Amino acid sequence: MPWFAYSTNAFLRTSTPAALREIAKLGFDGAEILVDRPHVWPYDEVTVAAAAAAVRHTGLRLSNVNINTAMGLDGGICRDGPGPALSDRDPGRVGARIRYTQAALRAAWAIGATVASVTTGPARRGAWKPAMEALGQLAELAAAVGIRLGVEYEPGFLVGDSKTLLRALKDVGHPTLGANLDLGHAQVAGENLEKTIELLAGRTWNIHVEDIRGRRHHHLPIGDGTMPWPKISAALARTGYEGPLTLELYTCDRKPVEAGRKSLKKLREYFPA
């Protein structure tokens, strides 16, 4: 059966070590670590070392290192948007995002992670080829440091659904590259979640979970939305998925402990040991 992790991006009002301590207290098996402000900053060895020490101290498994955002390059924090993106028009911003992601992959290696995730940024005409070339470069570095790289799709992004994700995996053609499957994003995209899970089986390195009400893109604690959890559980069992289900609730940073406790209880009901 899958195991349960909680992303530190729900704890945007505290440090990475403090977030990991809270996640361990809640009883999660593991954690996802955010690489962006205000958590791990890939150009700051102090935050990288602190995260690595906290992982060792808590004994948490690492489900993923989240490199989906780079808002810190623009002075913001992760919930404000992607920051410089692989799909940007400005080559300078694209280059900044590539260098940032390369630094983040090295940080992920230093922390002890084996999986990391990235996004492409918003859809833009003419951005596909250069973005795929950039993903290829990043996949090569990820492979060199022993990390599998998951591309997370999001409605409105260049890679915005399971169909474009499969196209990206084919075009890049690197075995290190797979899916960081956010089931809420699949719901917002109007996909059949059972079919999506089956379609990406064997290439899914991590699964983000949250609840979604209807098709509104707003992350909710598990049980507060309309996601078809029994069907999701059955599909994961059919495909033999035994990786992490990583709770992603950056929208709940005012009450991350309460949201995490409630969600973990529901996840254990839907995915009994």
C-alpha atoms as a PDB file:
ATOM      1  CA  MET A   1       0.000   0.000   0.000  1.00  0.00           C
ATOM      2  CA  PRO A   2       1.080   3.639  -0.417  1.00  0.00           C
ATOM      3  CA  TRP A   3       2.648   5.495   2.479  1.00  0.00           C
ATOM      4  CA  PHE A   4       1.801   8.984   3.708  1.00  0.00           C
ATOM      5  CA  ALA A   5       3.919  12.127   3.596  1.00  0.00           C
ATOM      6  CA  TYR A   6       3.180  15.797   4.227  1.00  0.00           C
ATOM      7  CA  SER A   7       4.727  18.670   2.296  1.00  0.00           C
ATOM      8  CA  THR A   8       6.507  21.365   4.255  1.00  0.00           C
ATOM      9  CA  ASN A   9       4.842  23.928   1.981  1.00  0.00           C
ATOM     10  CA  ALA A  10       1.885  23.833   4.397  1.00  0.00           C
ATOM     11  CA  PHE A  11       4.228  25.289   7.033  1.00  0.00           C
ATOM     12  CA  LEU A  12       5.161  28.545   5.327  1.00  0.00           C
ATOM     13  CA  ARG A  13       5.237  30.415   8.637  1.00  0.00           C
ATOM     14  CA  THR A  14       8.073  28.372  10.123  1.00  0.00           C
ATOM     15  CA  SER A  15      11.430  26.830   9.237  1.00  0.00           C
ATOM     16  CA  THR A  16      12.032  23.515   7.532  1.00  0.00           C
ATOM     17  CA  PRO A  17      13.350  21.787  10.710  1.00  0.00           C
ATOM     18  CA  ALA A  18      10.338  22.993  12.719  1.00  0.00           C
ATOM     19  CA  ALA A  19       7.981  21.824   9.974  1.00  0.00           C
ATOM     20  CA  LEU A  20       9.590  18.377   9.869  1.00  0.00           C
ATOM     21  CA  ARG A  21       9.280  18.028  13.632  1.00  0.00           C
ATOM     22  CA  GLU A  22       5.557  18.800  13.432  1.00  0.00           C
ATOM     23  CA  ILE A  23       5.071  16.363  10.544  1.00  0.00           C
ATOM     24  CA  ALA A  24       6.770  13.606  12.541  1.00  0.00           C
ATOM     25  CA  LYS A  25       4.616  14.361  15.614  1.00  0.00           C
ATOM     26  CA  LEU A  26       1.475  14.051  13.504  1.00  0.00           C
ATOM     27  CA  GLY A  27       2.430  10.484  12.614  1.00  0.00           C
ATOM     28  CA  PHE A  28       3.201  10.820   8.905  1.00  0.00           C
ATOM     29  CA  ASP A  29       5.650   8.302   7.473  1.00  0.00           C
ATOM     30  CA  GLY A  30       7.525  10.929   5.542  1.00  0.00           C
ATOM     31  CA  ALA A  31       7.751  14.454   4.229  1.00  0.00           C
ATOM     32  CA  GLU A  32       8.217  16.474   1.080  1.00  0.00           C
ATOM     33  CA  ILE A  33      10.635  19.384   1.363  1.00  0.00           C
ATOM     34  CA  LEU A  34      10.009  22.683  -0.389  1.00  0.00           C
ATOM     35  CA  VAL A  35      12.906  24.314  -2.206  1.00  0.00           C
ATOM     36  CA  ASP A  36      11.889  27.978  -2.231  1.00  0.00           C
ATOM     37  CA  ARG A  37      11.433  30.806   0.222  1.00  0.00           C
ATOM     38  CA  PRO A  38      10.916  30.547   3.160  1.00  0.00           C
ATOM     39  CA  HIS A  39      12.300  26.996   3.385  1.00  0.00           C
ATOM     40  CA  VAL A  40      15.337  25.473   1.687  1.00  0.00           C
ATOM     41  CA  TRP A  41      17.131  27.974  -0.525  1.00  0.00           C
ATOM     42  CA  PRO A  42      19.421  26.094  -2.920  1.00  0.00           C
ATOM     43  CA  TYR A  43      22.091  28.796  -2.905  1.00  0.00           C
ATOM     44  CA  ASP A  44      22.259  28.821   0.907  1.00  0.00           C
ATOM     45  CA  GLU A  45      24.208  25.881   2.330  1.00  0.00           C
ATOM     46  CA  VAL A  46      22.912  26.637   5.839  1.00  0.00           C
ATOM     47  CA  THR A  47      19.282  25.903   4.953  1.00  0.00           C
ATOM     48  CA  VAL A  48      20.296  22.798   3.010  1.00  0.00           C
ATOM     49  CA  ALA A  49      22.368  21.444   5.904  1.00  0.00           C
ATOM     50  CA  ALA A  50      19.613  22.245   8.413  1.00  0.00           C
ATOM     51  CA  ALA A  51      17.085  20.315   6.346  1.00  0.00           C
ATOM     52  CA  ALA A  52      19.421  17.323   6.037  1.00  0.00           C
ATOM     53  CA  ALA A  53      20.036  17.285   9.803  1.00  0.00           C
ATOM     54  CA  ALA A  54      16.296  17.518  10.529  1.00  0.00           C
ATOM     55  CA  VAL A  55      15.547  14.584   8.220  1.00  0.00           C
ATOM     56  CA  ARG A  56      18.102  12.473  10.075  1.00  0.00           C
ATOM     57  CA  HIS A  57      16.808  13.580  13.478  1.00  0.00           C
ATOM     58  CA  THR A  58      13.122  12.909  12.763  1.00  0.00           C
ATOM     59  CA  GLY A  59      13.671   9.689  10.834  1.00  0.00           C
ATOM     60  CA  LEU A  60      11.135  10.745   8.206  1.00  0.00           C
ATOM     61  CA  ARG A  61      11.260   9.246   4.735  1.00  0.00           C
ATOM     62  CA  LEU A  62      11.594  11.767   1.919  1.00  0.00           C
ATOM     63  CA  SER A  63       8.784  11.468  -0.601  1.00  0.00           C
ATOM     64  CA  ASN A  64       9.934  14.311  -2.829  1.00  0.00           C
ATOM     65  CA  VAL A  65      11.859  17.549  -3.001  1.00  0.00           C
ATOM     66  CA  ASN A  66       9.495  20.130  -4.433  1.00  0.00           C
ATOM     67  CA  ILE A  67      11.179  22.414  -6.988  1.00  0.00           C
ATOM     68  CA  ASN A  68       7.884  23.467  -8.582  1.00  0.00           C
ATOM     69  CA  THR A  69       8.271  27.132  -7.702  1.00  0.00           C
ATOM     70  CA  ALA A  70      11.079  29.671  -7.769  1.00  0.00           C
ATOM     71  CA  MET A  71       9.268  32.670  -6.313  1.00  0.00           C
ATOM     72  CA  GLY A  72      12.267  33.427  -4.135  1.00  0.00           C
ATOM     73  CA  LEU A  73      14.046  34.668  -7.262  1.00  0.00           C
ATOM     74  CA  ASP A  74      11.323  37.325  -7.541  1.00  0.00           C
ATOM     75  CA  GLY A  75      11.226  38.072  -3.821  1.00  0.00           C
ATOM     76  CA  GLY A  76       8.053  36.092  -3.084  1.00  0.00           C
ATOM     77  CA  ILE A  77       7.200  32.733  -1.523  1.00  0.00           C
ATOM     78  CA  CYS A  78       5.958  29.545  -3.119  1.00  0.00           C
ATOM     79  CA  ARG A  79       2.198  30.141  -2.939  1.00  0.00           C
ATOM     80  CA  ASP A  80       2.441  33.289  -5.101  1.00  0.00           C
ATOM     81  CA  GLY A  81       3.080  31.438  -8.386  1.00  0.00           C
ATOM     82  CA  PRO A  82       5.858  29.638 -10.251  1.00  0.00           C
ATOM     83  CA  GLY A  83       8.351  32.508 -10.489  1.00  0.00           C
ATOM     84  CA  PRO A  84      10.719  32.362 -13.480  1.00  0.00           C
ATOM     85  CA  ALA A  85       9.579  29.402 -15.587  1.00  0.00           C
ATOM     86  CA  LEU A  86      10.894  27.145 -18.338  1.00  0.00           C
ATOM     87  CA  SER A  87       8.099  28.477 -20.565  1.00  0.00           C
ATOM     88  CA  ASP A  88       8.915  32.184 -20.110  1.00  0.00           C
ATOM     89  CA  ARG A  89       9.486  34.439 -23.129  1.00  0.00           C
ATOM     90  CA  ASP A  90      12.565  36.056 -21.611  1.00  0.00           C
ATOM     91  CA  PRO A  91      15.615  33.809 -22.153  1.00  0.00           C
ATOM     92  CA  GLY A  92      17.215  35.391 -19.102  1.00  0.00           C
ATOM     93  CA  ARG A  93      14.393  34.192 -16.881  1.00  0.00           C
ATOM     94  CA  VAL A  94      14.446  30.748 -18.451  1.00  0.00           C
ATOM     95  CA  GLY A  95      18.174  30.528 -17.796  1.00  0.00           C
ATOM     96  CA  ALA A  96      17.685  31.659 -14.205  1.00  0.00           C
ATOM     97  CA  ARG A  97      15.082  28.926 -13.697  1.00  0.00           C
ATOM     98  CA  ILE A  98      17.362  26.263 -15.183  1.00  0.00           C
ATOM     99  CA  ARG A  99      20.285  27.287 -12.949  1.00  0.00           C
ATOM    100  CA  TYR A 100      17.982  27.443  -9.931  1.00  0.00           C
ATOM    101  CA  THR A 101      16.660  23.942 -10.627  1.00  0.00           C
ATOM    102  CA  GLN A 102      20.171  22.592 -11.118  1.00  0.00           C
ATOM    103  CA  ALA A 103      21.174  24.047  -7.741  1.00  0.00           C
ATOM    104  CA  ALA A 104      18.002  22.614  -6.203  1.00  0.00           C
ATOM    105  CA  LEU A 105      18.771  19.133  -7.545  1.00  0.00           C
ATOM    106  CA  ARG A 106      22.207  19.286  -5.940  1.00  0.00           C
ATOM    107  CA  ALA A 107      20.544  20.412  -2.707  1.00  0.00           C
ATOM    108  CA  ALA A 108      18.089  17.521  -2.953  1.00  0.00           C
ATOM    109  CA  TRP A 109      21.024  15.118  -3.275  1.00  0.00           C
ATOM    110  CA  ALA A 110      22.680  16.689  -0.221  1.00  0.00           C
ATOM    111  CA  ILE A 111      19.477  16.287   1.798  1.00  0.00           C
ATOM    112  CA  GLY A 112      19.275  12.619   0.846  1.00  0.00           C
ATOM    113  CA  ALA A 113      16.322  12.677  -1.556  1.00  0.00           C
ATOM    114  CA  THR A 114      15.833  10.253  -4.436  1.00  0.00           C
ATOM    115  CA  VAL A 115      12.893  12.070  -6.073  1.00  0.00           C
ATOM    116  CA  ALA A 116      12.320  15.712  -7.022  1.00  0.00           C
ATOM    117  CA  SER A 117       9.576  17.517  -8.946  1.00  0.00           C
ATOM    118  CA  VAL A 118       9.419  20.400 -11.406  1.00  0.00           C
ATOM    119  CA  THR A 119       6.835  22.219 -13.513  1.00  0.00           C
ATOM    120  CA  THR A 120       7.077  23.938 -16.894  1.00  0.00           C
ATOM    121  CA  GLY A 121       5.237  27.152 -16.089  1.00  0.00           C
ATOM    122  CA  PRO A 122       2.268  28.683 -17.966  1.00  0.00           C
ATOM    123  CA  ALA A 123       1.394  27.692 -21.522  1.00  0.00           C
ATOM    124  CA  ARG A 124       2.892  29.955 -24.193  1.00  0.00           C
ATOM    125  CA  ARG A 125       3.076  29.642 -27.964  1.00  0.00           C
ATOM    126  CA  GLY A 126       6.530  28.592 -29.105  1.00  0.00           C
ATOM    127  CA  ALA A 127       7.682  27.465 -25.672  1.00  0.00           C
ATOM    128  CA  TRP A 128       7.395  23.700 -26.130  1.00  0.00           C
ATOM    129  CA  LYS A 129      10.704  22.906 -27.826  1.00  0.00           C
ATOM    130  CA  PRO A 130      12.967  25.005 -25.570  1.00  0.00           C
ATOM    131  CA  ALA A 131      11.144  23.788 -22.456  1.00  0.00           C
ATOM    132  CA  MET A 132      11.620  20.146 -23.500  1.00  0.00           C
ATOM    133  CA  GLU A 133      15.301  20.815 -24.173  1.00  0.00           C
ATOM    134  CA  ALA A 134      15.595  22.288 -20.685  1.00  0.00           C
ATOM    135  CA  LEU A 135      13.832  19.267 -19.154  1.00  0.00           C
ATOM    136  CA  GLY A 136      16.312  17.054 -20.951  1.00  0.00           C
ATOM    137  CA  GLN A 137      19.240  18.939 -19.406  1.00  0.00           C
ATOM    138  CA  LEU A 138      17.663  18.707 -15.967  1.00  0.00           C
ATOM    139  CA  ALA A 139      16.958  14.991 -16.382  1.00  0.00           C
ATOM    140  CA  GLU A 140      20.615  14.394 -17.198  1.00  0.00           C
ATOM    141  CA  LEU A 141      21.741  16.158 -14.024  1.00  0.00           C
ATOM    142  CA  ALA A 142      19.084  14.386 -11.949  1.00  0.00           C
ATOM    143  CA  ALA A 143      20.310  11.038 -13.224  1.00  0.00           C
ATOM    144  CA  ALA A 144      23.911  11.979 -12.439  1.00  0.00           C
ATOM    145  CA  VAL A 145      23.047  12.632  -8.778  1.00  0.00           C
ATOM    146  CA  GLY A 146      20.751   9.614  -8.446  1.00  0.00           C
ATOM    147  CA  ILE A 147      17.413  11.439  -8.457  1.00  0.00           C
ATOM    148  CA  ARG A 148      14.268  10.630 -10.420  1.00  0.00           C
ATOM    149  CA  LEU A 149      12.640  13.792 -11.740  1.00  0.00           C
ATOM    150  CA  GLY A 150       8.850  14.065 -11.800  1.00  0.00           C
ATOM    151  CA  VAL A 151       7.083  16.617 -13.993  1.00  0.00           C
ATOM    152  CA  GLU A 152       3.935  17.955 -12.347  1.00  0.00           C
ATOM    153  CA  TYR A 153       1.189  19.075 -14.696  1.00  0.00           C
ATOM    154  CA  GLU A 154      -1.243  21.832 -13.859  1.00  0.00           C
ATOM    155  CA  PRO A 155      -4.202  23.219 -15.845  1.00  0.00           C
ATOM    156  CA  GLY A 156      -3.109  26.310 -17.761  1.00  0.00           C
ATOM    157  CA  PHE A 157       0.539  25.247 -17.824  1.00  0.00           C
ATOM    158  CA  LEU A 158       2.562  24.214 -20.848  1.00  0.00           C
ATOM    159  CA  VAL A 159       2.338  20.669 -19.508  1.00  0.00           C
ATOM    160  CA  GLY A 160      -1.237  21.021 -18.331  1.00  0.00           C
ATOM    161  CA  ASP A 161      -2.795  17.553 -18.339  1.00  0.00           C
ATOM    162  CA  SER A 162      -1.912  13.871 -18.553  1.00  0.00           C
ATOM    163  CA  LYS A 163      -1.956  13.973 -22.377  1.00  0.00           C
ATOM    164  CA  THR A 164       0.677  16.704 -22.609  1.00  0.00           C
ATOM    165  CA  LEU A 165       2.692  15.051 -19.846  1.00  0.00           C
ATOM    166  CA  LEU A 166       2.883  11.831 -21.849  1.00  0.00           C
ATOM    167  CA  ARG A 167       3.921  13.868 -24.889  1.00  0.00           C
ATOM    168  CA  ALA A 168       6.658  15.524 -22.839  1.00  0.00           C
ATOM    169  CA  LEU A 169       7.963  12.199 -21.530  1.00  0.00           C
ATOM    170  CA  LYS A 170       8.069  10.869 -25.095  1.00  0.00           C
ATOM    171  CA  ASP A 171       9.725  13.975 -26.539  1.00  0.00           C
ATOM    172  CA  VAL A 172      12.418  14.145 -23.844  1.00  0.00           C
ATOM    173  CA  GLY A 173      12.869  10.384 -23.844  1.00  0.00           C
ATOM    174  CA  HIS A 174      14.862  10.101 -20.623  1.00  0.00           C
ATOM    175  CA  PRO A 175      14.176   7.214 -18.196  1.00  0.00           C
ATOM    176  CA  THR A 176      14.793   9.447 -15.169  1.00  0.00           C
ATOM    177  CA  LEU A 177      11.849  11.638 -16.160  1.00  0.00           C
ATOM    178  CA  GLY A 178       8.397  10.644 -14.925  1.00  0.00           C
ATOM    179  CA  ALA A 179       5.320  12.060 -13.258  1.00  0.00           C
ATOM    180  CA  ASN A 180       4.750  13.941 -10.049  1.00  0.00           C
ATOM    181  CA  LEU A 181       1.027  13.256 -10.266  1.00  0.00           C
ATOM    182  CA  ASP A 182      -1.153  15.800  -8.485  1.00  0.00           C
ATOM    183  CA  LEU A 183      -4.584  14.176  -8.338  1.00  0.00           C
ATOM    184  CA  GLY A 184      -6.254  17.494  -7.557  1.00  0.00           C
ATOM    185  CA  HIS A 185      -4.828  18.956 -10.753  1.00  0.00           C
ATOM    186  CA  ALA A 186      -6.181  15.976 -12.676  1.00  0.00           C
ATOM    187  CA  GLN A 187      -9.590  16.618 -11.127  1.00  0.00           C
ATOM    188  CA  VAL A 188      -9.474  20.310 -12.070  1.00  0.00           C
ATOM    189  CA  ALA A 189      -8.492  19.306 -15.617  1.00  0.00           C
ATOM    190  CA  GLY A 190     -11.664  17.212 -15.826  1.00  0.00           C
ATOM    191  CA  GLU A 191      -9.846  13.909 -16.150  1.00  0.00           C
ATOM    192  CA  ASN A 192     -11.104  10.479 -15.154  1.00  0.00           C
ATOM    193  CA  LEU A 193      -8.812   9.896 -12.184  1.00  0.00           C
ATOM    194  CA  GLU A 194      -8.860   6.114 -12.429  1.00  0.00           C
ATOM    195  CA  LYS A 195      -7.791   6.249 -16.074  1.00  0.00           C
ATOM    196  CA  THR A 196      -5.118   8.846 -15.334  1.00  0.00           C
ATOM    197  CA  ILE A 197      -3.620   6.683 -12.584  1.00  0.00           C
ATOM    198  CA  GLU A 198      -3.558   3.688 -14.935  1.00  0.00           C
ATOM    199  CA  LEU A 199      -2.144   5.750 -17.814  1.00  0.00           C
ATOM    200  CA  LEU A 200       0.827   6.931 -15.752  1.00  0.00           C
ATOM    201  CA  ALA A 201       1.409   3.681 -13.878  1.00  0.00           C
ATOM    202  CA  GLY A 202       5.078   2.762 -13.761  1.00  0.00           C
ATOM    203  CA  ARG A 203       6.198   6.353 -14.459  1.00  0.00           C
ATOM    204  CA  THR A 204       4.744   8.008 -11.344  1.00  0.00           C
ATOM    205  CA  TRP A 205       7.448   8.857  -8.812  1.00  0.00           C
ATOM    206  CA  ASN A 206       5.244  10.704  -6.292  1.00  0.00           C
ATOM    207  CA  ILE A 207       1.561  11.535  -5.907  1.00  0.00           C
ATOM    208  CA  HIS A 208       0.312  14.809  -4.479  1.00  0.00           C
ATOM    209  CA  VAL A 209      -3.005  14.552  -2.687  1.00  0.00           C
ATOM    210  CA  GLU A 210      -5.439  17.173  -1.473  1.00  0.00           C
ATOM    211  CA  ASP A 211      -9.187  17.502  -1.693  1.00  0.00           C
ATOM    212  CA  ILE A 212     -10.861  19.581  -4.380  1.00  0.00           C
ATOM    213  CA  ARG A 213     -14.445  20.798  -4.458  1.00  0.00           C
ATOM    214  CA  GLY A 214     -15.843  20.331  -7.941  1.00  0.00           C
ATOM    215  CA  ARG A 215     -13.196  21.601 -10.350  1.00  0.00           C
ATOM    216  CA  ARG A 216     -12.115  24.689  -8.423  1.00  0.00           C
ATOM    217  CA  HIS A 217      -8.356  24.759  -8.022  1.00  0.00           C
ATOM    218  CA  HIS A 218      -8.088  25.296  -4.289  1.00  0.00           C
ATOM    219  CA  HIS A 219      -6.368  22.708  -2.103  1.00  0.00           C
ATOM    220  CA  LEU A 220      -8.523  21.491   0.804  1.00  0.00           C
ATOM    221  CA  PRO A 221      -7.913  19.024   3.644  1.00  0.00           C
ATOM    222  CA  ILE A 222      -8.877  15.469   2.752  1.00  0.00           C
ATOM    223  CA  GLY A 223     -12.602  15.046   3.331  1.00  0.00           C
ATOM    224  CA  ASP A 224     -13.542  18.662   2.655  1.00  0.00           C
ATOM    225  CA  GLY A 225     -14.020  18.284  -1.102  1.00  0.00           C
ATOM    226  CA  THR A 226     -15.594  16.003  -3.667  1.00  0.00           C
ATOM    227  CA  MET A 227     -12.643  13.871  -4.791  1.00  0.00           C
ATOM    228  CA  PRO A 228     -13.646  10.195  -5.401  1.00  0.00           C
ATOM    229  CA  TRP A 229     -11.305   8.667  -2.830  1.00  0.00           C
ATOM    230  CA  PRO A 230     -12.674   5.088  -2.903  1.00  0.00           C
ATOM    231  CA  LYS A 231     -12.158   4.980  -6.690  1.00  0.00           C
ATOM    232  CA  ILE A 232      -8.683   6.487  -6.325  1.00  0.00           C
ATOM    233  CA  SER A 233      -7.767   3.895  -3.716  1.00  0.00           C
ATOM    234  CA  ALA A 234      -9.026   1.069  -5.926  1.00  0.00           C
ATOM    235  CA  ALA A 235      -7.110   2.353  -8.975  1.00  0.00           C
ATOM    236  CA  LEU A 236      -3.852   2.622  -7.025  1.00  0.00           C
ATOM    237  CA  ALA A 237      -4.346  -0.917  -5.719  1.00  0.00           C
ATOM    238  CA  ARG A 238      -4.996  -2.240  -9.240  1.00  0.00           C
ATOM    239  CA  THR A 239      -1.828  -0.637 -10.587  1.00  0.00           C
ATOM    240  CA  GLY A 240       0.265  -1.774  -7.650  1.00  0.00           C
ATOM    241  CA  TYR A 241       1.356   1.702  -6.569  1.00  0.00           C
ATOM    242  CA  GLU A 242       3.323   1.493  -3.320  1.00  0.00           C
ATOM    243  CA  GLY A 243       4.953   4.915  -3.360  1.00  0.00           C
ATOM    244  CA  PRO A 244       4.138   8.021  -1.340  1.00  0.00           C
ATOM    245  CA  LEU A 245       0.887   9.916  -1.169  1.00  0.00           C
ATOM    246  CA  THR A 246       2.129  13.391  -0.298  1.00  0.00           C
ATOM    247  CA  LEU A 247      -0.389  15.759   1.251  1.00  0.00           C
ATOM    248  CA  GLU A 248       0.022  19.223  -0.282  1.00  0.00           C
ATOM    249  CA  LEU A 249      -1.823  21.960   1.593  1.00  0.00           C
ATOM    250  CA  TYR A 250       0.062  25.217   1.003  1.00  0.00           C
ATOM    251  CA  THR A 251      -3.386  26.843   1.243  1.00  0.00           C
ATOM    252  CA  CYS A 252      -3.599  25.829   4.926  1.00  0.00           C
ATOM    253  CA  ASP A 253      -0.480  27.592   6.222  1.00  0.00           C
ATOM    254  CA  ARG A 254      -2.453  29.277   9.026  1.00  0.00           C
ATOM    255  CA  LYS A 255      -3.473  25.892  10.496  1.00  0.00           C
ATOM    256  CA  PRO A 256      -1.151  23.257   9.011  1.00  0.00           C
ATOM    257  CA  VAL A 257      -1.188  20.966  12.048  1.00  0.00           C
ATOM    258  CA  GLU A 258      -4.974  20.810  12.250  1.00  0.00           C
ATOM    259  CA  ALA A 259      -5.314  20.321   8.488  1.00  0.00           C
ATOM    260  CA  GLY A 260      -2.644  17.617   8.504  1.00  0.00           C
ATOM    261  CA  ARG A 261      -4.179  15.739  11.427  1.00  0.00           C
ATOM    262  CA  LYS A 262      -7.624  15.735   9.836  1.00  0.00           C
ATOM    263  CA  SER A 263      -6.263  14.696   6.439  1.00  0.00           C
ATOM    264  CA  LEU A 264      -4.109  11.873   7.800  1.00  0.00           C
ATOM    265  CA  LYS A 265      -7.101  10.393   9.613  1.00  0.00           C
ATOM    266  CA  LYS A 266      -9.094  10.400   6.374  1.00  0.00           C
ATOM    267  CA  LEU A 267      -6.219   8.996   4.319  1.00  0.00           C
ATOM    268  CA  ARG A 268      -5.911   6.081   6.735  1.00  0.00           C
ATOM    269  CA  GLU A 269      -9.619   5.400   6.284  1.00  0.00           C
ATOM    270  CA  TYR A 270      -9.380   5.416   2.485  1.00  0.00           C
ATOM    271  CA  PHE A 271      -6.072   3.542   2.335  1.00  0.00           C
ATOM    272  CA  PRO A 272      -6.125   1.048   5.240  1.00  0.00           C
ATOM    273  CA  ALA A 273      -2.952  -0.894   5.957  1.00  0.00           C
END
